Amino acid sequence: MGIEADLVIRGGAVIDGTGREPFHADIAVKDGRISAVGDVPGRGREEIDARGHVVTPGFVDVHTHYDGQAVWDSHLAPSALHGVTTAVMGNCGVGFAPVRAGDHDTLIELMEGVEDIPGPVLHQGLEFRWESFAEYLDVLDAKPRDVDICALVPHAAMRVYTMGKRALALEPANQGDIAAMRAIVADAVRAGAFGFSTSRTISHKTLKGDFTPTLRAQEDELTGIALGMRDVGAGFLELVSDWNEPDPATEFALVRRVVEQSGRPVLFSLTARHDRTEAWRELLALSNEAAAAGLPIRPVFPPRPIGILLGLQGSQNPFSGAPSYKAIAHLPLADRVAAMRDPAVRARILSEDRVTGSTFPLITRLSFSRMFPFSDPPNYAPERESSIAAAAAREGRSPEEVAYDMLLADEGMGFIFAALTNYADFTLGASAELLRHPNTIVGLSDGGAHVGFISDGSFPTFLLAYWGRDRREGTVPLPELVRRQTSDTARAVGLTDRGVLAPGMKADINVIDFDALALERPAMVWDLPAGGRRLLQGARGYVATINGGQVTYRNGEATGALPGRLVRSEAA
């Protein structure tokens, strides 16, 4: 029989993204779409032997920050290395459009502070060949990639575009401002935006310490912007908040009213904070109540601790704010290590205030009791007894001394893993409970952001390997884990043509050697514009990743195929 398909994947255990049990089948692909699932007798122009492997839809990551990288880079690592074939970017209210010529630096400074993407990288990588959001989408549309991207309108950029310096001063929007932003978001969704994002957390600041312009946006402003999406009949709101204005229930009630008036869905970030240990349970209950009432308000949670990698190679370490460390921070790594081994330098750094001078807004939320040596292979659920605080108690030393010596180990190449959230009781119990609730969404990888101290773009791989195979306390069925980051995430953001392996669907597919699936240790690479550095973490076990019927990665290596494109919303 002759060639009847562009690609045939033979004999794999198909986990189709719906949650149903695996079944063995061939998958045929023609013209970028799945043409058959079952017994495929005809030959494919290209064939993949998937016997002994699982075959899943490509993963859809709803929370990334590739707004800058997507302009200059065709390879959206780290997400592309972890089976992601569609990424939603523009979260947390930060991004680069709409923008006036005089505000380029403002948006860069905000992205630098909030998402730890260095200013020189953005200045060189972004050409700002746009003003409106529609023009920004056109620039994105012109570049081929290995991953499809969907874009959200960032509230901070839109607010600065509309209000100028009043936005930076956190002034309330007047009715004229709100009407303008309503029109901007409506036009953007018509052009292809998937919605808009906003931030209400004091953790989001520039490196100068200025809060994000959206921090104190009032209810009428959020409602007006959401009504712009209602005007078009498409789009969702993505939200991150501290949930303390003045308490979780009051803040959630505001969000609920916005949804009731606009009819548009909301996705909000939900983490188990270590200082307010029960707030996440209250928010989970409130979102479940809203869902029961037919209101689409869904929490997005991480499958492991959101972890900071503190090290001399990265942008943050426990002593980054100490004056004597700042004095040598510019030195090459080897010279810095040599200086830090000098007893006099060591004594000065250990004696100094390391918090007041820090540019890291979350420094006060980091505790030595939840800092751990970062092992190889990576361990994201370390035992309490392995913490720096526990080691210090055993050794009769201060936690600062233990941390200092950890930084110098391996000639300064190692990292300290600091669990920022979701590890209050030194277990992944919060993530386990959130996985049991059908209204929750797995996400918050922040792919493309926090390039100097977070490597959570590997969440999709961790979700399958840890929760589906390695967890000592019991695993979650693999079909459910696959559904969680394919059809569930796709439908949550309005994507109906992917996330399920069925005829007619977009041929975004992963072939995975599940037994071999594992995370590699993150490494620092210098491959950003202006010689910028970033943490990259690869994975083993991805036999092939396929986007639109073209193999983009084989065994973790890029093939050179760039079928990924900008996806425009249904309103476009």
Protein backbone atom coordinates (compact mmCIF):
# COMPACT_ATOMS: atom_id res chain seq x y z
CA MET A 1 0.00 0.00 0.00
CA GLY A 2 1.29 3.48 -0.88
CA ILE A 3 2.00 6.48 1.28
CA GLU A 4 -1.24 7.72 2.79
CA ALA A 5 -0.02 9.98 5.61
CA ASP A 6 2.72 12.47 6.31
CA LEU A 7 3.51 10.76 9.63
CA VAL A 8 2.45 7.54 11.32
CA ILE A 9 3.19 6.80 14.98
CA ARG A 10 3.09 3.04 15.38
CA GLY A 11 2.00 0.85 18.24
CA GLY A 12 2.21 3.17 21.23
CA ALA A 13 0.08 3.17 24.35
CA VAL A 14 -2.18 6.09 23.48
CA ILE A 15 -3.22 8.34 26.37
CA ASP A 16 -5.54 10.55 24.40
CA GLY A 17 -5.98 13.53 26.77
CA THR A 18 -9.59 12.82 27.75
CA GLY A 19 -8.71 10.88 30.90
CA ARG A 20 -9.72 7.50 29.46
CA GLU A 21 -7.55 4.46 29.97
CA PRO A 22 -4.58 3.90 27.61
CA PHE A 23 -5.13 1.85 24.46
CA HIS A 24 -2.71 0.62 21.84
CA ALA A 25 -3.15 2.22 18.44
CA ASP A 26 -1.42 3.84 15.50
CA ILE A 27 -1.84 7.55 14.86
CA ALA A 28 -1.77 8.95 11.33
CA VAL A 29 -1.12 12.61 10.56
CA LYS A 30 -1.96 14.44 7.34
CA ASP A 31 -1.52 18.17 6.65
CA GLY A 32 -0.84 18.98 10.28
CA ARG A 33 -3.97 17.24 11.59
CA ILE A 34 -4.62 13.82 13.05
CA SER A 35 -6.29 11.81 10.29
CA ALA A 36 -6.71 8.46 12.04
CA VAL A 37 -6.35 6.78 15.45
CA GLY A 38 -6.47 3.00 15.38
CA ASP A 39 -5.10 0.45 12.95
CA VAL A 40 -3.40 2.43 10.18
CA PRO A 41 -2.57 0.07 7.29
CA GLY A 42 -1.06 2.62 4.92
CA ARG A 43 2.50 3.84 5.19
CA GLY A 44 3.56 7.25 6.33
CA ARG A 45 6.13 9.42 4.64
CA GLU A 46 7.76 9.33 8.07
CA GLU A 47 7.14 6.74 10.77
CA ILE A 48 7.91 6.60 14.50
CA ASP A 49 8.07 3.28 16.32
CA ALA A 50 6.26 3.97 19.61
CA ARG A 51 6.11 0.39 20.85
CA GLY A 52 6.89 0.34 24.57
CA HIS A 53 6.22 4.08 24.84
CA VAL A 54 3.23 6.25 25.71
CA VAL A 55 1.78 8.69 23.20
CA THR A 56 0.11 11.83 24.53
CA PRO A 57 -1.14 15.13 23.16
CA GLY A 58 1.35 17.97 23.27
CA PHE A 59 1.20 19.85 26.56
CA VAL A 60 -0.53 23.23 26.87
CA ASP A 61 1.10 25.51 29.47
CA VAL A 62 -1.23 28.33 30.53
CA HIS A 63 1.27 30.42 32.53
CA THR A 64 4.47 31.52 30.78
CA HIS A 65 6.38 34.73 30.10
CA TYR A 66 7.86 34.40 26.61
CA ASP A 67 6.69 37.93 25.67
CA GLY A 68 10.25 39.04 24.97
CA GLN A 69 11.90 35.76 24.02
CA ALA A 70 9.23 35.04 21.41
CA VAL A 71 10.33 38.20 19.58
CA TRP A 72 13.98 37.17 19.18
CA ASP A 73 14.07 33.39 19.63
CA SER A 74 12.56 30.60 17.53
CA HIS A 75 13.26 28.01 20.25
CA LEU A 76 11.14 28.55 23.33
CA ALA A 77 13.23 26.63 25.80
CA PRO A 78 12.83 25.55 28.51
CA SER A 79 9.17 24.74 27.77
CA ALA A 80 9.91 23.13 24.42
CA LEU A 81 12.26 20.67 26.17
CA HIS A 82 9.40 19.39 28.34
CA GLY A 83 6.77 18.41 25.80
CA VAL A 84 5.02 21.79 25.65
CA THR A 85 3.62 22.51 22.20
CA THR A 86 1.41 25.51 23.13
CA ALA A 87 2.33 28.24 25.62
CA VAL A 88 0.12 31.07 26.89
CA MET A 89 2.26 34.14 27.61
CA GLY A 90 1.61 37.63 28.93
CA ASN A 91 0.65 36.56 32.45
CA CYS A 92 0.91 38.60 35.66
CA GLY A 93 0.05 41.88 33.96
CA VAL A 94 3.51 42.49 32.47
CA GLY A 95 4.46 42.63 28.81
CA PHE A 96 5.40 44.95 25.98
CA ALA A 97 2.23 46.14 24.25
CA PRO A 98 0.50 48.45 23.85
CA VAL A 99 3.34 50.90 24.29
CA ARG A 100 4.26 54.47 23.34
CA ALA A 101 7.78 55.22 22.16
CA GLY A 102 8.65 57.03 25.38
CA ASP A 103 7.60 54.13 27.61
CA HIS A 104 9.85 51.35 26.32
CA ASP A 105 12.21 51.66 29.28
CA THR A 106 9.32 51.64 31.75
CA LEU A 107 8.02 48.31 30.53
CA ILE A 108 11.51 46.82 30.38
CA GLU A 109 12.25 47.91 33.96
CA LEU A 110 9.01 46.36 35.13
CA MET A 111 9.67 43.05 33.36
CA GLU A 112 13.23 43.04 34.69
CA GLY A 113 12.04 43.41 38.28
CA VAL A 114 8.92 41.24 38.19
CA GLU A 115 10.17 38.38 36.04
CA ASP A 116 13.98 38.58 36.43
CA ILE A 117 14.74 39.02 32.73
CA PRO A 118 17.80 41.29 32.62
CA GLY A 119 17.32 44.78 31.22
CA PRO A 120 20.29 44.58 28.77
CA VAL A 121 18.82 41.37 27.33
CA LEU A 122 15.47 43.05 26.70
CA HIS A 123 17.00 46.27 25.38
CA GLN A 124 18.99 44.35 22.77
CA GLY A 125 16.42 41.64 22.01
CA LEU A 126 13.36 43.83 21.62
CA GLU A 127 13.14 46.15 18.64
CA PHE A 128 9.71 47.58 19.55
CA ARG A 129 8.44 47.59 16.00
CA TRP A 130 4.92 48.12 17.32
CA GLU A 131 2.69 50.39 19.33
CA SER A 132 -0.71 48.69 19.47
CA PHE A 133 -1.27 45.15 20.69
CA ALA A 134 -2.45 44.16 17.22
CA GLU A 135 0.88 45.34 15.78
CA TYR A 136 2.74 43.35 18.44
CA LEU A 137 0.77 40.24 17.43
CA ASP A 138 1.72 40.80 13.80
CA VAL A 139 5.43 40.88 14.76
CA LEU A 140 4.99 37.63 16.69
CA ASP A 141 3.06 36.11 13.80
CA ALA A 142 5.92 36.67 11.39
CA LYS A 143 8.42 34.50 13.29
CA PRO A 144 8.40 30.70 13.08
CA ARG A 145 8.99 28.75 16.32
CA ASP A 146 9.08 25.28 17.78
CA VAL A 147 6.07 26.04 20.03
CA ASP A 148 2.71 27.69 19.36
CA ILE A 149 2.08 30.81 21.44
CA CYS A 150 -1.05 32.57 22.68
CA ALA A 151 -0.83 36.11 24.04
CA LEU A 152 -2.61 38.00 26.81
CA VAL A 153 -2.85 41.80 27.01
CA PRO A 154 -0.78 42.90 30.04
CA HIS A 155 -2.68 45.27 32.30
CA ALA A 156 0.46 47.18 33.34
CA ALA A 157 1.38 48.05 29.75
CA MET A 158 -2.21 48.99 28.94
CA ARG A 159 -2.50 51.14 32.06
CA VAL A 160 0.75 53.02 31.34
CA TYR A 161 -0.32 53.47 27.71
CA THR A 162 -3.63 54.97 28.84
CA MET A 163 -2.71 56.87 32.01
CA GLY A 164 1.00 57.65 31.71
CA LYS A 165 2.66 58.76 34.94
CA ARG A 166 -0.64 58.49 36.82
CA ALA A 167 -0.47 54.72 36.32
CA LEU A 168 3.03 54.59 37.80
CA ALA A 169 1.79 56.63 40.77
CA LEU A 170 -0.92 53.98 41.35
CA GLU A 171 -3.69 56.55 40.91
CA PRO A 172 -7.24 55.25 40.38
CA ALA A 173 -8.41 55.20 36.78
CA ASN A 174 -11.16 57.67 35.91
CA GLN A 175 -14.11 56.81 33.70
CA GLY A 176 -12.33 58.06 30.60
CA ASP A 177 -9.33 55.84 31.38
CA ILE A 178 -11.58 52.83 31.93
CA ALA A 179 -13.44 53.42 28.68
CA ALA A 180 -10.13 53.64 26.82
CA MET A 181 -8.83 50.41 28.36
CA ARG A 182 -12.12 48.67 27.61
CA ALA A 183 -11.72 49.60 23.95
CA ILE A 184 -8.05 48.59 23.90
CA VAL A 185 -8.70 45.11 25.25
CA ALA A 186 -11.68 44.62 22.92
CA ASP A 187 -9.57 45.57 19.90
CA ALA A 188 -6.76 43.33 21.10
CA VAL A 189 -9.04 40.31 21.49
CA ARG A 190 -10.47 40.96 18.03
CA ALA A 191 -6.89 40.95 16.75
CA GLY A 192 -6.17 37.62 18.45
CA ALA A 193 -5.39 38.18 22.14
CA PHE A 194 -6.74 35.49 24.45
CA GLY A 195 -7.65 37.95 27.20
CA PHE A 196 -5.86 40.18 29.66
CA SER A 197 -3.77 39.67 32.78
CA THR A 198 -3.28 41.68 35.93
CA SER A 199 -1.28 41.66 39.17
CA ARG A 200 -2.36 42.68 42.66
CA THR A 201 0.72 41.56 44.60
CA ILE A 202 3.35 43.66 46.36
CA SER A 203 5.94 41.08 45.27
CA HIS A 204 5.85 42.52 41.75
CA LYS A 205 8.23 45.47 41.70
CA THR A 206 10.91 47.03 39.56
CA LEU A 207 14.50 46.65 40.74
CA LYS A 208 14.17 50.22 42.04
CA GLY A 209 11.41 49.03 44.36
CA ASP A 210 8.46 50.62 42.52
CA PHE A 211 5.26 48.58 42.64
CA THR A 212 3.60 47.29 39.49
CA PRO A 213 1.17 49.93 38.12
CA THR A 214 -1.80 47.56 38.49
CA LEU A 215 -1.38 46.92 42.22
CA ARG A 216 -4.21 49.16 43.41
CA ALA A 217 -6.53 49.01 40.39
CA GLN A 218 -10.09 49.43 41.61
CA GLU A 219 -13.04 47.15 40.97
CA ASP A 220 -14.61 49.47 38.41
CA GLU A 221 -11.38 49.40 36.38
CA LEU A 222 -11.15 45.60 36.37
CA THR A 223 -14.83 45.32 35.55
CA GLY A 224 -14.58 47.83 32.71
CA ILE A 225 -11.69 45.95 31.12
CA ALA A 226 -13.50 42.63 31.51
CA LEU A 227 -16.55 44.20 29.84
CA GLY A 228 -14.32 44.89 26.86
CA MET A 229 -13.94 41.12 26.51
CA ARG A 230 -17.69 40.72 26.92
CA ASP A 231 -18.17 43.20 24.08
CA VAL A 232 -16.28 40.79 21.83
CA GLY A 233 -17.61 37.60 23.39
CA ALA A 234 -14.19 36.06 24.00
CA GLY A 235 -11.20 36.16 26.33
CA PHE A 236 -10.36 35.38 29.94
CA LEU A 237 -8.76 37.27 32.83
CA GLU A 238 -5.57 35.97 34.43
CA LEU A 239 -4.91 37.25 37.95
CA VAL A 240 -2.23 37.06 40.62
CA SER A 241 -2.95 38.56 44.02
CA ASP A 242 -1.80 38.57 47.64
CA TRP A 243 -5.45 38.02 48.65
CA ASN A 244 -5.12 40.31 51.65
CA GLU A 245 -7.15 43.41 50.70
CA PRO A 246 -8.22 43.03 53.43
CA ASP A 247 -8.59 39.23 53.44
CA PRO A 248 -9.05 36.35 50.97
CA ALA A 249 -12.86 36.31 51.11
CA THR A 250 -13.21 40.05 50.45
CA GLU A 251 -10.73 40.03 47.57
CA PHE A 252 -12.32 36.92 46.07
CA ALA A 253 -15.75 38.53 46.29
CA LEU A 254 -14.43 41.39 44.13
CA VAL A 255 -13.19 38.90 41.52
CA ARG A 256 -16.50 37.07 41.63
CA ARG A 257 -18.43 40.28 40.96
CA VAL A 258 -16.21 41.00 37.94
CA VAL A 259 -17.08 37.58 36.55
CA GLU A 260 -20.78 37.99 37.31
CA GLN A 261 -20.91 41.32 35.47
CA SER A 262 -18.73 40.39 32.50
CA GLY A 263 -19.43 36.70 32.06
CA ARG A 264 -15.76 36.13 31.22
CA PRO A 265 -13.67 33.38 32.92
CA VAL A 266 -10.92 34.03 35.47
CA LEU A 267 -7.79 31.98 36.12
CA PHE A 268 -5.92 32.92 39.29
CA SER A 269 -2.64 31.77 40.79
CA LEU A 270 -3.05 29.69 43.95
CA THR A 271 -0.06 28.71 46.08
CA ALA A 272 0.21 27.45 49.65
CA ARG A 273 2.16 30.23 51.33
CA HIS A 274 4.33 29.39 54.31
CA ASP A 275 3.30 32.46 56.31
CA ARG A 276 -0.47 32.21 55.72
CA THR A 277 -0.88 28.48 55.74
CA GLU A 278 -4.67 28.26 55.46
CA ALA A 279 -5.41 31.00 52.91
CA TRP A 280 -5.11 28.60 49.97
CA ARG A 281 -7.76 26.30 51.44
CA GLU A 282 -10.14 29.22 51.81
CA LEU A 283 -9.55 30.31 48.21
CA LEU A 284 -9.98 26.74 46.98
CA ALA A 285 -13.33 26.50 48.78
CA LEU A 286 -14.46 29.87 47.40
CA SER A 287 -13.53 28.88 43.85
CA ASN A 288 -15.34 25.56 44.22
CA GLU A 289 -18.44 27.42 45.43
CA ALA A 290 -18.24 29.74 42.44
CA ALA A 291 -17.89 26.77 40.07
CA ALA A 292 -20.94 25.13 41.65
CA ALA A 293 -22.85 28.35 40.91
CA GLY A 294 -21.76 28.20 37.26
CA LEU A 295 -19.10 30.91 37.51
CA PRO A 296 -15.85 30.08 35.67
CA ILE A 297 -13.24 30.99 38.29
CA ARG A 298 -10.43 28.45 38.38
CA PRO A 299 -7.24 28.36 40.47
CA VAL A 300 -3.92 27.49 38.80
CA PHE A 301 -1.48 25.71 41.14
CA PRO A 302 2.08 24.30 40.95
CA PRO A 303 2.70 20.53 41.14
CA ARG A 304 5.73 21.00 43.41
CA PRO A 305 7.21 23.82 45.51
CA ILE A 306 7.92 27.00 43.63
CA GLY A 307 11.63 26.79 44.20
CA ILE A 308 14.31 29.46 44.11
CA LEU A 309 17.76 28.24 43.04
CA LEU A 310 20.22 30.35 45.00
CA GLY A 311 23.79 30.30 43.77
CA LEU A 312 26.84 32.31 42.79
CA GLN A 313 26.06 31.72 39.12
CA GLY A 314 22.50 32.98 39.41
CA SER A 315 20.98 36.37 40.07
CA GLN A 316 20.21 35.66 43.74
CA ASN A 317 21.91 34.03 46.70
CA PRO A 318 21.39 34.41 50.46
CA PHE A 319 24.05 37.13 50.64
CA SER A 320 23.22 39.13 47.51
CA GLY A 321 22.13 42.08 49.64
CA ALA A 322 25.21 42.16 51.89
CA PRO A 323 27.42 45.20 51.15
CA SER A 324 30.67 43.21 51.10
CA TYR A 325 29.20 40.68 48.68
CA LYS A 326 27.91 43.46 46.43
CA ALA A 327 31.48 44.79 46.31
CA ILE A 328 32.70 41.58 44.65
CA ALA A 329 29.51 40.55 42.78
CA HIS A 330 30.90 41.85 39.49
CA LEU A 331 33.92 39.52 39.59
CA PRO A 332 34.11 36.38 37.43
CA LEU A 333 32.95 33.30 39.28
CA ALA A 334 36.41 31.89 40.01
CA ASP A 335 37.63 35.23 41.36
CA ARG A 336 34.51 35.64 43.47
CA VAL A 337 34.95 32.18 44.97
CA ALA A 338 38.58 32.96 45.78
CA ALA A 339 37.58 36.23 47.43
CA MET A 340 34.82 34.59 49.46
CA ARG A 341 37.29 31.99 50.76
CA ASP A 342 39.36 34.78 52.30
CA PRO A 343 38.64 34.61 56.05
CA ALA A 344 38.34 38.39 56.35
CA VAL A 345 35.83 38.64 53.49
CA ARG A 346 33.91 35.69 54.89
CA ALA A 347 33.68 37.30 58.33
CA ARG A 348 32.48 40.62 56.88
CA ILE A 349 29.79 39.06 54.68
CA LEU A 350 28.50 36.84 57.49
CA SER A 351 28.30 39.81 59.87
CA GLU A 352 26.37 42.13 57.54
CA ASP A 353 22.66 42.78 56.99
CA ARG A 354 21.80 40.71 53.92
CA VAL A 355 18.13 41.76 53.69
CA THR A 356 17.97 45.57 53.66
CA GLY A 357 20.11 45.94 50.56
CA SER A 358 18.56 43.08 48.62
CA THR A 359 16.79 43.74 45.32
CA PHE A 360 14.82 40.50 45.69
CA PRO A 361 11.29 41.39 46.92
CA LEU A 362 10.72 37.90 48.34
CA ILE A 363 13.89 37.78 50.42
CA THR A 364 11.93 38.06 53.67
CA ARG A 365 9.87 34.99 52.74
CA LEU A 366 12.93 32.76 52.39
CA SER A 367 13.77 30.68 55.44
CA PHE A 368 16.84 28.57 56.17
CA SER A 369 14.45 25.90 57.42
CA ARG A 370 13.28 25.50 53.82
CA MET A 371 16.63 25.83 52.09
CA PHE A 372 18.24 22.58 50.99
CA PRO A 373 21.34 21.43 49.09
CA PHE A 374 20.25 20.94 45.49
CA SER A 375 21.06 17.39 44.53
CA ASP A 376 21.69 15.62 41.23
CA PRO A 377 19.29 14.20 40.22
CA PRO A 378 17.11 17.08 41.47
CA ASN A 379 15.03 16.38 44.57
CA TYR A 380 12.03 18.71 44.83
CA ALA A 381 10.65 17.05 47.97
CA PRO A 382 13.67 17.06 50.31
CA GLU A 383 13.45 15.81 53.88
CA ARG A 384 13.16 18.37 56.68
CA GLU A 385 16.37 16.96 58.21
CA SER A 386 18.36 17.93 55.11
CA SER A 387 17.58 21.64 55.43
CA ILE A 388 20.28 24.21 56.13
CA ALA A 389 18.66 25.00 59.47
CA ALA A 390 18.73 21.34 60.51
CA ALA A 391 22.33 20.93 59.37
CA ALA A 392 23.33 24.04 61.32
CA ALA A 393 21.70 22.70 64.49
CA ARG A 394 23.50 19.37 64.12
CA GLU A 395 26.86 21.00 63.48
CA GLY A 396 26.60 23.74 66.08
CA ARG A 397 26.99 26.48 63.48
CA SER A 398 24.81 29.32 62.25
CA PRO A 399 22.58 28.70 59.19
CA GLU A 400 24.42 31.54 57.44
CA GLU A 401 27.74 29.71 57.81
CA VAL A 402 26.31 26.50 56.41
CA ALA A 403 24.74 28.35 53.47
CA TYR A 404 27.99 30.22 52.79
CA ASP A 405 29.95 26.97 52.56
CA MET A 406 27.31 25.41 50.30
CA LEU A 407 27.69 28.28 47.86
CA LEU A 408 31.46 27.71 47.66
CA ALA A 409 31.18 23.96 47.08
CA ASP A 410 31.99 22.63 43.62
CA GLU A 411 33.96 25.84 42.90
CA GLY A 412 30.78 27.91 43.20
CA MET A 413 28.85 25.91 40.61
CA GLY A 414 26.21 24.46 42.93
CA PHE A 415 22.83 25.73 44.02
CA ILE A 416 20.73 25.89 47.15
CA PHE A 417 17.09 24.95 46.64
CA ALA A 418 14.79 27.30 48.57
CA ALA A 419 11.14 26.25 48.69
CA LEU A 420 9.21 29.51 48.46
CA THR A 421 5.65 28.12 48.55
CA ASN A 422 3.82 24.78 48.67
CA TYR A 423 6.14 23.23 51.23
CA ALA A 424 4.83 24.53 54.56
CA ASP A 425 4.74 21.09 56.19
CA PHE A 426 7.76 19.74 54.28
CA THR A 427 5.54 17.64 52.03
CA LEU A 428 3.75 18.12 48.72
CA GLY A 429 0.44 17.67 50.51
CA ALA A 430 -1.02 20.93 49.22
CA SER A 431 -0.36 19.97 45.60
CA ALA A 432 -1.75 16.48 46.28
CA GLU A 433 -5.00 17.95 47.58
CA LEU A 434 -5.28 20.45 44.74
CA LEU A 435 -4.82 17.64 42.22
CA ARG A 436 -7.94 15.99 43.58
CA HIS A 437 -10.20 18.95 42.79
CA PRO A 438 -11.67 19.02 39.26
CA ASN A 439 -11.88 22.83 39.20
CA THR A 440 -8.14 23.34 39.66
CA ILE A 441 -5.59 23.70 36.86
CA VAL A 442 -1.94 22.58 36.95
CA GLY A 443 0.43 25.33 35.91
CA LEU A 444 2.54 28.31 37.07
CA SER A 445 5.71 27.13 35.33
CA ASP A 446 6.69 30.73 34.50
CA GLY A 447 8.52 29.43 31.42
CA GLY A 448 10.74 32.17 30.01
CA ALA A 449 10.89 34.16 33.26
CA HIS A 450 13.04 34.29 36.40
CA VAL A 451 15.90 33.17 34.22
CA GLY A 452 18.54 33.67 36.92
CA PHE A 453 17.02 31.83 39.86
CA ILE A 454 13.96 29.72 38.98
CA SER A 455 13.80 26.67 36.73
CA ASP A 456 10.14 25.68 36.93
CA GLY A 457 9.59 25.34 33.18
CA SER A 458 10.12 21.64 33.91
CA PHE A 459 6.75 21.36 35.71
CA PRO A 460 5.17 19.24 32.91
CA THR A 461 7.87 16.58 33.15
CA PHE A 462 7.80 16.60 36.94
CA LEU A 463 4.03 16.19 36.96
CA LEU A 464 4.22 12.96 34.98
CA ALA A 465 7.39 11.46 36.47
CA TYR A 466 6.79 12.28 40.15
CA TRP A 467 3.04 12.11 40.49
CA GLY A 468 2.59 9.33 37.96
CA ARG A 469 5.52 7.05 38.90
CA ASP A 470 7.89 8.09 41.69
CA ARG A 471 5.76 9.37 44.56
CA ARG A 472 6.23 7.17 47.63
CA GLU A 473 2.85 8.04 49.12
CA GLY A 474 0.93 6.78 46.08
CA THR A 475 0.60 7.94 42.51
CA VAL A 476 -2.08 9.61 40.41
CA PRO A 477 -3.36 7.71 37.33
CA LEU A 478 -1.31 8.72 34.31
CA PRO A 479 -4.36 9.40 32.07
CA GLU A 480 -5.56 11.98 34.60
CA LEU A 481 -2.14 13.66 34.74
CA VAL A 482 -2.04 13.85 30.96
CA ARG A 483 -5.58 15.25 30.82
CA ARG A 484 -4.56 17.88 33.35
CA GLN A 485 -2.02 19.47 31.02
CA THR A 486 -3.61 18.81 27.64
CA SER A 487 -7.37 18.99 27.13
CA ASP A 488 -8.02 20.62 30.50
CA THR A 489 -5.56 23.47 30.06
CA ALA A 490 -6.48 23.90 26.38
CA ARG A 491 -10.21 24.27 27.10
CA ALA A 492 -9.56 26.56 30.07
CA VAL A 493 -8.03 29.19 27.78
CA GLY A 494 -10.38 28.70 24.84
CA LEU A 495 -8.39 26.34 22.62
CA THR A 496 -10.67 23.73 21.07
CA ASP A 497 -8.49 22.30 18.30
CA ARG A 498 -5.80 20.60 20.44
CA GLY A 499 -5.26 18.67 23.65
CA VAL A 500 -6.92 15.43 22.49
CA LEU A 501 -5.62 12.72 20.17
CA ALA A 502 -8.58 12.30 17.82
CA PRO A 503 -9.19 12.67 14.09
CA GLY A 504 -9.44 16.30 13.01
CA MET A 505 -7.43 17.65 15.95
CA LYS A 506 -4.15 19.51 15.53
CA ALA A 507 -1.30 17.01 15.45
CA ASP A 508 0.55 18.16 18.58
CA ILE A 509 1.91 14.94 20.06
CA ASN A 510 4.51 13.59 22.50
CA VAL A 511 6.05 10.12 22.31
CA ILE A 512 7.46 9.37 25.77
CA ASP A 513 9.61 6.60 27.20
CA PHE A 514 7.80 6.81 30.52
CA ASP A 515 10.17 4.51 32.40
CA ALA A 516 13.12 6.69 31.41
CA LEU A 517 11.37 10.05 31.97
CA ALA A 518 13.56 12.17 34.26
CA LEU A 519 14.65 15.71 34.94
CA GLU A 520 18.21 16.78 34.37
CA ARG A 521 20.03 19.13 36.70
CA PRO A 522 19.58 22.80 35.72
CA ALA A 523 22.63 24.47 34.23
CA MET A 524 23.47 28.10 33.61
CA VAL A 525 23.95 29.00 29.96
CA TRP A 526 24.91 32.32 28.37
CA ASP A 527 22.81 32.40 25.21
CA LEU A 528 20.50 35.41 25.63
CA PRO A 529 20.92 38.70 23.76
CA ALA A 530 23.69 40.91 25.14
CA GLY A 531 25.38 37.78 26.51
CA GLY A 532 22.67 37.29 29.11
CA ARG A 533 22.51 34.14 31.23
CA ARG A 534 19.65 31.84 32.05
CA LEU A 535 18.97 28.56 33.80
CA LEU A 536 18.06 25.74 31.46
CA GLN A 537 16.83 22.34 32.58
CA GLY A 538 16.47 19.49 30.14
CA ALA A 539 14.77 16.13 30.44
CA ARG A 540 15.30 12.55 29.39
CA GLY A 541 12.58 10.31 28.02
CA TYR A 542 11.00 12.44 25.29
CA VAL A 543 11.42 10.23 22.24
CA ALA A 544 9.72 12.81 20.02
CA THR A 545 7.76 16.01 20.31
CA ILE A 546 5.56 16.88 17.36
CA ASN A 547 3.94 20.21 16.55
CA GLY A 548 1.44 20.37 13.71
CA GLY A 549 2.64 17.03 12.40
CA GLN A 550 6.33 18.01 12.29
CA VAL A 551 8.89 16.50 14.67
CA THR A 552 10.47 19.41 16.53
CA TYR A 553 12.50 17.40 19.08
CA ARG A 554 13.99 13.90 19.01
CA ASN A 555 15.42 12.56 22.26
CA GLY A 556 15.65 16.08 23.62
CA GLU A 557 17.47 17.56 20.63
CA ALA A 558 15.92 20.14 18.31
CA THR A 559 15.42 18.90 14.76
CA GLY A 560 15.36 22.37 13.18
CA ALA A 561 11.66 22.16 12.29
CA LEU A 562 9.82 25.35 13.28
CA PRO A 563 6.11 24.78 12.66
CA GLY A 564 4.98 26.76 15.72
CA ARG A 565 3.02 29.94 15.14
CA LEU A 566 1.05 32.61 16.92
CA VAL A 567 -2.42 31.29 17.71
CA ARG A 568 -5.14 33.94 17.53
CA SER A 569 -8.27 33.82 19.64
CA GLU A 570 -11.60 32.64 18.29
CA ALA A 571 -12.73 36.27 18.06
CA ALA A 572 -10.05 36.89 15.43
